Amino acid sequence: MNSRAWLGSVLLGLALLAPALASAAAPRVALIVPGPLDDEAAMVEARLRAELLVSGFEVLTVSRTDPIDQADLAQIAQESNSSAAVAIIRSDRWLGAEVWLARSRGGGAVLHQVRPEPVSRDAPAIVAIRAAEILRASAIDLREPAPPSSAPIAASSASAAPPSSAAPPSLSAAPTPIPPPSALAPSPAPPLADRGPAPASDSHPSVFALTAALSALGGPGGVPGGFGPTLALSWSFAQAWSMELRGTGPVASTVPFNAGTVDVDQELFALDVRLDIDASERLTPFVLAGAGADRTGVRGRTTPPRQALRDSAWSAIALVETGLRWRASPRWSVRTGVGAFYAASRPVIAVDDQVLAHAGRPGFHGMLGLELGW
């Protein structure tokens, strides 16, 4: 065989072996997605897959409909011959992930909790990048053989979340998973559903919402109830907690008397603190309390020789409300609520020293509208 033929045979052999060598060198990652996929989880899966493929990983997608715990992550990784497993975790308001890594140096495994992100347009990309960074940092270790299945699992969140005394957020309302076998996890991490509220970190982007609704105001005292518009702007400063600035009115009604009528219009302005209670993926009950001001304006309609006058009065108020939000899509929700308010100084409507009506002690309000979040 001449040198040219020998060189050609060597090059051909290398070309045939290259894909197998590359596949053997690339660590495999099992990407576990909740089924069926919603928009946010699908975006995380697509972005994370792209990040890992570019970084030289082999990606295997596994769909699971039941809750996932760390023992499940270890089992899926071992059954698929993967060096790591990533589970995408989603709730009504938060999006996150968990990363299980097999460690060859010293044996064992580690569970990273990727810091969750409030559901928004940018959340899938942020969560995917955080998970990919954890896997890239462990790439050298992952390229070595995985440890035996009897190696213990160590839970870790140091590289996945900023230093904080608060526990990771509750991302799932699923039942508490079955504790993992002692052979896999002598000291298991707490189930995902029991991890408490999200840390109030300044690194979380603000979540805003705008509500437009039809409201009703009324109460005892002689002022008839009426309807008017409500606009509210809220900011979610921590998981389940929001501040809200709202304005309602004008709400018009009419009070009759023996020589004419009095047109009444009311406006209500308040700053509230709201607590959302996650009941399911779509239904979110809430309670709120706040303080603000109520304006009551009057305009008389009478016959001569009486003269019609206009007047208004302002009162400080305190209010409480309870209600329900139904999430129709990731951004749109239907919101309803009922509550009561109390005026510090009671507005009184009088003609010729004759008291016709009073308002605000107490007053009642209700609303039904749409909420747009971003």
Protein backbone atom coordinates (compact mmCIF):
# COMPACT_ATOMS: atom_id res chain seq x y z
CA MET A 1 0.00 0.00 0.00
CA ASN A 2 1.53 3.35 -1.04
CA SER A 3 1.63 6.38 1.30
CA ARG A 4 -1.25 8.15 -0.45
CA ALA A 5 -3.59 5.18 -0.03
CA TRP A 6 -2.52 4.77 3.60
CA LEU A 7 -3.20 8.45 4.36
CA GLY A 8 -6.64 8.21 2.74
CA SER A 9 -7.53 5.18 4.87
CA VAL A 10 -6.53 6.99 8.05
CA LEU A 11 -8.59 10.08 7.18
CA LEU A 12 -11.61 7.92 6.31
CA GLY A 13 -11.35 6.07 9.62
CA LEU A 14 -11.15 9.33 11.58
CA ALA A 15 -14.18 10.69 9.74
CA LEU A 16 -16.20 7.58 10.66
CA LEU A 17 -15.08 7.64 14.28
CA ALA A 18 -15.52 11.38 14.86
CA PRO A 19 -19.32 11.35 15.51
CA ALA A 20 -18.99 8.43 17.92
CA LEU A 21 -16.12 10.07 19.77
CA ALA A 22 -17.99 13.38 19.99
CA SER A 23 -21.11 11.62 21.27
CA ALA A 24 -19.13 9.73 23.87
CA ALA A 25 -17.40 12.91 25.05
CA ALA A 26 -20.57 15.00 25.32
CA PRO A 27 -22.32 14.66 28.71
CA ARG A 28 -26.01 13.86 28.43
CA VAL A 29 -28.62 16.00 30.19
CA ALA A 30 -32.19 14.77 30.78
CA LEU A 31 -34.53 17.76 30.39
CA ILE A 32 -37.78 17.03 32.26
CA VAL A 33 -40.76 19.12 31.17
CA PRO A 34 -44.31 19.20 32.64
CA GLY A 35 -46.88 17.77 30.29
CA PRO A 36 -48.82 19.13 28.59
CA LEU A 37 -46.49 22.09 27.97
CA ASP A 38 -47.83 25.62 28.43
CA ASP A 39 -46.27 28.65 26.70
CA GLU A 40 -43.78 29.52 29.45
CA ALA A 41 -42.52 25.95 30.00
CA ALA A 42 -42.19 25.42 26.24
CA MET A 43 -40.11 28.60 25.93
CA VAL A 44 -37.83 27.49 28.80
CA GLU A 45 -37.41 24.06 27.20
CA ALA A 46 -36.54 25.53 23.78
CA ARG A 47 -34.12 28.14 25.16
CA LEU A 48 -32.41 25.73 27.57
CA ARG A 49 -32.04 23.08 24.86
CA ALA A 50 -30.39 25.64 22.57
CA GLU A 51 -28.04 26.85 25.33
CA LEU A 52 -26.96 23.30 26.20
CA LEU A 53 -26.46 22.17 22.61
CA VAL A 54 -24.25 25.19 21.92
CA SER A 55 -22.26 24.37 25.07
CA GLY A 56 -21.58 20.82 23.86
CA PHE A 57 -24.18 18.84 25.84
CA GLU A 58 -26.39 16.07 24.52
CA VAL A 59 -30.02 16.82 25.45
CA LEU A 60 -32.75 14.22 26.04
CA THR A 61 -36.30 15.51 26.69
CA VAL A 62 -38.54 13.61 29.14
CA SER A 63 -42.21 14.56 29.69
CA ARG A 64 -43.76 14.00 33.13
CA THR A 65 -47.28 14.90 34.33
CA ASP A 66 -46.87 13.87 37.99
CA PRO A 67 -44.96 15.90 40.63
CA ILE A 68 -41.17 15.55 40.59
CA ASP A 69 -38.91 15.20 43.63
CA GLN A 70 -35.15 14.73 43.88
CA ALA A 71 -35.40 10.93 43.91
CA ASP A 72 -37.31 11.11 40.60
CA LEU A 73 -34.57 13.32 39.13
CA ALA A 74 -31.90 10.81 40.15
CA GLN A 75 -33.90 7.87 38.80
CA ILE A 76 -34.58 9.53 35.43
CA ALA A 77 -30.92 10.50 35.07
CA GLN A 78 -29.77 6.95 35.81
CA GLU A 79 -32.37 5.27 33.57
CA SER A 80 -31.47 7.56 30.64
CA ASN A 81 -27.71 7.23 31.33
CA SER A 82 -27.52 11.01 31.87
CA SER A 83 -25.00 12.90 33.96
CA ALA A 84 -27.56 15.55 34.91
CA ALA A 85 -31.31 16.09 35.03
CA VAL A 86 -33.18 19.41 34.84
CA ALA A 87 -36.86 19.73 35.87
CA ILE A 88 -38.84 22.78 34.75
CA ILE A 89 -41.21 23.84 37.54
CA ARG A 90 -44.11 26.24 37.12
CA SER A 91 -46.86 27.78 39.22
CA ASP A 92 -49.49 30.44 38.61
CA ARG A 93 -47.08 33.29 39.37
CA TRP A 94 -43.56 31.81 39.31
CA LEU A 95 -41.29 29.92 36.92
CA GLY A 96 -38.19 27.99 38.03
CA ALA A 97 -36.16 24.81 37.69
CA GLU A 98 -34.19 22.21 39.64
CA VAL A 99 -30.86 20.77 38.46
CA TRP A 100 -29.62 17.33 39.62
CA LEU A 101 -25.91 16.71 38.98
CA ALA A 102 -23.94 13.50 39.36
CA ARG A 103 -20.49 14.19 40.80
CA SER A 104 -17.65 11.88 39.82
CA ARG A 105 -15.04 13.55 41.98
CA GLY A 106 -15.68 12.27 45.46
CA GLY A 107 -18.91 10.58 44.38
CA GLY A 108 -22.45 11.58 45.32
CA ALA A 109 -24.75 14.06 43.65
CA VAL A 110 -25.94 17.62 44.19
CA LEU A 111 -29.35 19.25 43.76
CA HIS A 112 -29.39 22.92 42.71
CA GLN A 113 -32.53 25.05 43.04
CA VAL A 114 -32.61 27.62 40.25
CA ARG A 115 -33.89 30.88 41.65
CA PRO A 116 -37.49 31.33 40.39
CA GLU A 117 -38.69 34.26 38.34
CA PRO A 118 -42.12 35.92 38.37
CA VAL A 119 -44.08 34.92 35.25
CA SER A 120 -43.36 37.51 32.55
CA ARG A 121 -42.24 37.75 28.94
CA ASP A 122 -38.56 37.51 29.91
CA ALA A 123 -38.90 34.85 32.63
CA PRO A 124 -38.36 31.75 30.38
CA ALA A 125 -35.06 33.09 29.01
CA ILE A 126 -33.82 34.13 32.47
CA VAL A 127 -34.60 30.73 34.05
CA ALA A 128 -33.05 28.87 31.09
CA ILE A 129 -29.81 30.89 31.30
CA ARG A 130 -29.56 30.36 35.08
CA ALA A 131 -29.94 26.59 34.67
CA ALA A 132 -27.48 26.50 31.76
CA GLU A 133 -24.88 28.40 33.82
CA ILE A 134 -25.08 25.77 36.56
CA LEU A 135 -24.54 22.99 34.02
CA ARG A 136 -21.69 24.82 32.25
CA ALA A 137 -19.91 25.32 35.57
CA SER A 138 -20.10 21.55 36.15
CA ALA A 139 -19.25 20.52 32.58
CA ILE A 140 -15.73 19.24 33.33
CA ASP A 141 -16.97 17.07 36.19
CA LEU A 142 -19.93 15.81 34.14
CA ARG A 143 -17.69 14.53 31.34
CA GLU A 144 -16.30 11.90 33.70
CA PRO A 145 -18.27 8.69 34.46
CA ALA A 146 -21.33 9.08 36.71
CA PRO A 147 -21.18 7.65 40.26
CA PRO A 148 -22.98 4.45 41.29
CA SER A 149 -26.71 4.73 42.00
CA SER A 150 -26.14 4.18 45.72
CA ALA A 151 -24.24 7.50 46.09
CA PRO A 152 -25.95 10.02 48.36
CA ILE A 153 -27.57 13.20 47.08
CA ALA A 154 -26.66 16.56 48.64
CA ALA A 155 -29.10 19.44 48.34
CA SER A 156 -27.54 22.77 47.47
CA SER A 157 -28.93 26.17 46.58
CA ALA A 158 -25.82 28.31 47.06
CA SER A 159 -25.10 28.67 43.35
CA ALA A 160 -28.76 28.88 42.38
CA ALA A 161 -30.02 31.67 44.59
CA PRO A 162 -28.56 34.80 46.19
CA PRO A 163 -27.68 34.72 49.91
CA SER A 164 -30.89 35.10 51.81
CA SER A 165 -32.38 33.92 55.06
CA ALA A 166 -35.70 33.26 53.33
CA ALA A 167 -36.50 29.83 51.94
CA PRO A 168 -37.02 29.22 48.19
CA PRO A 169 -40.51 30.02 46.92
CA SER A 170 -43.44 27.67 46.70
CA LEU A 171 -43.78 26.87 43.00
CA SER A 172 -46.26 24.01 43.14
CA ALA A 173 -49.44 23.18 44.93
CA ALA A 174 -48.94 19.46 44.23
CA PRO A 175 -49.28 16.93 47.08
CA THR A 176 -46.15 16.23 49.10
CA PRO A 177 -44.07 13.72 47.10
CA ILE A 178 -43.13 10.33 48.53
CA PRO A 179 -39.82 10.68 50.41
CA PRO A 180 -36.88 9.37 48.35
CA PRO A 181 -35.21 6.08 49.36
CA SER A 182 -32.56 6.42 52.03
CA ALA A 183 -29.99 4.90 49.71
CA LEU A 184 -30.43 7.82 47.33
CA ALA A 185 -30.91 10.65 49.80
CA PRO A 186 -30.05 10.17 53.46
CA SER A 187 -30.78 13.88 54.04
CA PRO A 188 -33.43 14.83 51.47
CA ALA A 189 -34.33 18.41 50.71
CA PRO A 190 -37.84 19.50 51.74
CA PRO A 191 -40.62 18.87 49.18
CA LEU A 192 -41.16 21.71 46.75
CA ALA A 193 -44.63 22.47 48.11
CA ASP A 194 -43.27 23.15 51.61
CA ARG A 195 -40.51 25.60 50.84
CA GLY A 196 -42.32 28.74 51.97
CA PRO A 197 -42.62 32.14 50.33
CA ALA A 198 -40.21 33.53 47.78
CA PRO A 199 -37.34 35.67 49.02
CA ALA A 200 -38.08 39.37 48.76
CA SER A 201 -35.01 40.11 46.65
CA ASP A 202 -34.33 43.34 44.81
CA SER A 203 -32.92 41.25 41.96
CA HIS A 204 -36.44 40.18 41.03
CA PRO A 205 -37.93 42.44 38.38
CA SER A 206 -41.06 44.32 39.35
CA VAL A 207 -44.37 42.82 38.25
CA PHE A 208 -47.03 45.37 37.35
CA ALA A 209 -50.74 45.01 36.60
CA LEU A 210 -53.40 47.43 35.36
CA THR A 211 -57.05 46.83 36.26
CA ALA A 212 -60.05 48.40 34.55
CA ALA A 213 -63.42 47.63 36.17
CA LEU A 214 -67.01 48.67 36.70
CA SER A 215 -67.65 49.48 40.35
CA ALA A 216 -70.68 50.09 42.54
CA LEU A 217 -70.75 52.36 45.62
CA GLY A 218 -73.52 52.59 48.16
CA GLY A 219 -74.47 52.17 51.79
CA PRO A 220 -76.94 53.14 54.47
CA GLY A 221 -77.66 56.80 55.09
CA GLY A 222 -79.98 57.79 52.27
CA VAL A 223 -77.58 58.18 49.32
CA PRO A 224 -78.70 55.74 46.61
CA GLY A 225 -76.09 53.39 45.18
CA GLY A 226 -74.59 53.97 41.76
CA PHE A 227 -72.08 52.70 39.25
CA GLY A 228 -68.82 54.12 37.98
CA PRO A 229 -65.42 53.19 36.53
CA THR A 230 -62.36 52.03 38.49
CA LEU A 231 -58.72 52.12 37.43
CA ALA A 232 -56.02 50.46 39.56
CA LEU A 233 -52.26 50.08 39.11
CA SER A 234 -50.52 47.42 41.22
CA TRP A 235 -46.90 46.44 41.80
CA SER A 236 -45.95 42.98 43.10
CA PHE A 237 -42.97 43.64 45.38
CA ALA A 238 -42.75 40.04 46.69
CA GLN A 239 -44.41 36.72 46.02
CA ALA A 240 -48.11 37.04 46.93
CA TRP A 241 -47.74 40.68 48.08
CA SER A 242 -48.69 43.76 46.05
CA MET A 243 -49.20 47.48 46.50
CA GLU A 244 -52.09 49.01 44.58
CA LEU A 245 -53.12 52.56 43.76
CA ARG A 246 -56.75 52.89 42.71
CA GLY A 247 -59.34 55.48 41.80
CA THR A 248 -63.10 54.98 41.53
CA GLY A 249 -65.68 57.39 40.18
CA PRO A 250 -67.50 59.50 39.56
CA VAL A 251 -70.42 57.46 40.87
CA ALA A 252 -73.63 59.45 40.33
CA SER A 253 -76.92 59.26 42.22
CA THR A 254 -79.86 61.52 43.06
CA VAL A 255 -81.44 62.44 46.42
CA PRO A 256 -84.99 63.96 46.21
CA PHE A 257 -86.48 66.55 48.57
CA ASN A 258 -89.74 68.51 48.69
CA ALA A 259 -88.60 71.36 46.40
CA GLY A 260 -86.35 69.55 43.94
CA THR A 261 -83.48 67.09 43.84
CA VAL A 262 -79.81 66.95 44.77
CA ASP A 263 -77.38 65.31 42.35
CA VAL A 264 -74.62 63.50 44.22
CA ASP A 265 -71.31 62.30 42.79
CA GLN A 266 -68.71 60.34 44.73
CA GLU A 267 -65.04 59.58 44.01
CA LEU A 268 -62.86 57.23 46.03
CA PHE A 269 -59.03 57.12 45.98
CA ALA A 270 -56.93 54.65 47.98
CA LEU A 271 -53.51 53.05 48.39
CA ASP A 272 -53.86 49.36 49.27
CA VAL A 273 -51.70 46.41 50.27
CA ARG A 274 -52.93 43.13 48.78
CA LEU A 275 -52.21 39.51 49.73
CA ASP A 276 -52.84 36.88 47.03
CA ILE A 277 -53.58 33.32 48.12
CA ASP A 278 -52.70 30.75 45.45
CA ALA A 279 -55.53 28.21 45.37
CA SER A 280 -54.90 26.69 41.95
CA GLU A 281 -53.21 27.41 38.64
CA ARG A 282 -56.03 29.78 37.62
CA LEU A 283 -57.95 30.89 40.74
CA THR A 284 -56.33 33.31 43.17
CA PRO A 285 -58.36 34.62 46.14
CA PHE A 286 -57.05 37.83 47.69
CA VAL A 287 -57.60 40.18 50.62
CA LEU A 288 -56.52 43.80 50.86
CA ALA A 289 -56.56 46.74 53.23
CA GLY A 290 -55.82 50.37 52.56
CA ALA A 291 -56.43 54.01 53.26
CA GLY A 292 -57.24 57.04 51.15
CA ALA A 293 -59.82 59.76 50.60
CA ASP A 294 -63.44 60.04 49.52
CA ARG A 295 -64.89 63.08 47.77
CA THR A 296 -68.63 63.74 47.87
CA GLY A 297 -69.96 66.46 45.58
CA VAL A 298 -73.54 67.86 45.42
CA ARG A 299 -75.45 70.05 43.01
CA GLY A 300 -79.00 71.23 43.80
CA ARG A 301 -81.86 71.33 41.30
CA THR A 302 -84.78 73.44 42.57
CA THR A 303 -87.39 75.97 41.54
CA PRO A 304 -87.26 79.76 42.17
CA PRO A 305 -87.00 81.58 44.45
CA ARG A 306 -84.59 78.95 45.79
CA GLN A 307 -81.08 79.13 44.38
CA ALA A 308 -79.27 75.93 43.37
CA LEU A 309 -75.74 75.66 44.77
CA ARG A 310 -72.77 73.34 44.34
CA ASP A 311 -70.57 72.07 47.12
CA SER A 312 -68.16 69.20 47.92
CA ALA A 313 -66.46 67.63 50.92
CA TRP A 314 -63.43 65.40 51.39
CA SER A 315 -63.09 62.65 54.00
CA ALA A 316 -60.24 60.33 54.99
CA ILE A 317 -61.24 56.67 54.68
CA ALA A 318 -60.01 53.21 55.64
CA LEU A 319 -61.12 50.22 53.58
CA VAL A 320 -60.97 46.43 53.39
CA GLU A 321 -61.81 44.13 50.50
CA THR A 322 -61.83 40.48 49.55
CA GLY A 323 -62.10 39.06 46.07
CA LEU A 324 -61.04 36.56 43.44
CA ARG A 325 -58.85 36.65 40.34
CA TRP A 326 -59.38 34.12 37.54
CA ARG A 327 -56.37 33.80 35.27
CA ALA A 328 -57.58 33.49 31.67
CA SER A 329 -54.06 33.67 30.13
CA PRO A 330 -50.52 34.42 31.30
CA ARG A 331 -51.26 38.17 31.12
CA TRP A 332 -55.03 38.57 31.40
CA SER A 333 -57.19 37.90 34.47
CA VAL A 334 -60.82 38.52 35.42
CA ARG A 335 -61.05 40.21 38.80
CA THR A 336 -63.98 40.66 41.16
CA GLY A 337 -64.19 41.93 44.72
CA VAL A 338 -66.44 43.32 47.45
CA GLY A 339 -65.55 45.42 50.47
CA ALA A 340 -66.39 48.21 52.87
CA PHE A 341 -64.93 51.60 53.80
CA TYR A 342 -65.35 53.94 56.74
CA ALA A 343 -65.10 57.76 56.54
CA ALA A 344 -63.37 59.62 59.37
CA SER A 345 -65.69 62.61 58.90
CA ARG A 346 -69.14 61.72 57.59
CA PRO A 347 -70.37 63.72 54.56
CA VAL A 348 -73.85 65.16 55.27
CA ILE A 349 -76.25 66.44 52.59
CA ALA A 350 -78.64 69.11 53.92
CA VAL A 351 -81.05 71.72 52.49
CA ASP A 352 -82.22 74.59 54.70
CA ASP A 353 -80.82 72.79 57.75
CA GLN A 354 -82.81 69.71 56.79
CA VAL A 355 -80.58 66.64 56.63
CA LEU A 356 -81.44 64.63 53.54
CA ALA A 357 -78.75 61.96 53.61
CA HIS A 358 -75.26 61.08 54.74
CA ALA A 359 -72.62 58.69 53.37
CA GLY A 360 -69.51 56.78 54.28
CA ARG A 361 -70.33 55.31 57.71
CA PRO A 362 -70.03 52.70 56.46
CA GLY A 363 -69.91 52.58 52.68
CA PHE A 364 -69.83 49.46 50.56
CA HIS A 365 -68.23 48.84 47.20
CA GLY A 366 -67.96 46.06 44.63
CA MET A 367 -66.15 45.67 41.32
CA LEU A 368 -65.87 43.44 38.26
CA GLY A 369 -63.20 43.97 35.62
CA LEU A 370 -60.13 42.86 33.69
CA GLU A 371 -56.51 42.88 34.85
CA LEU A 372 -53.53 43.07 32.49
CA GLY A 373 -50.16 42.02 33.94
CA TRP A 374 -46.64 42.52 32.64
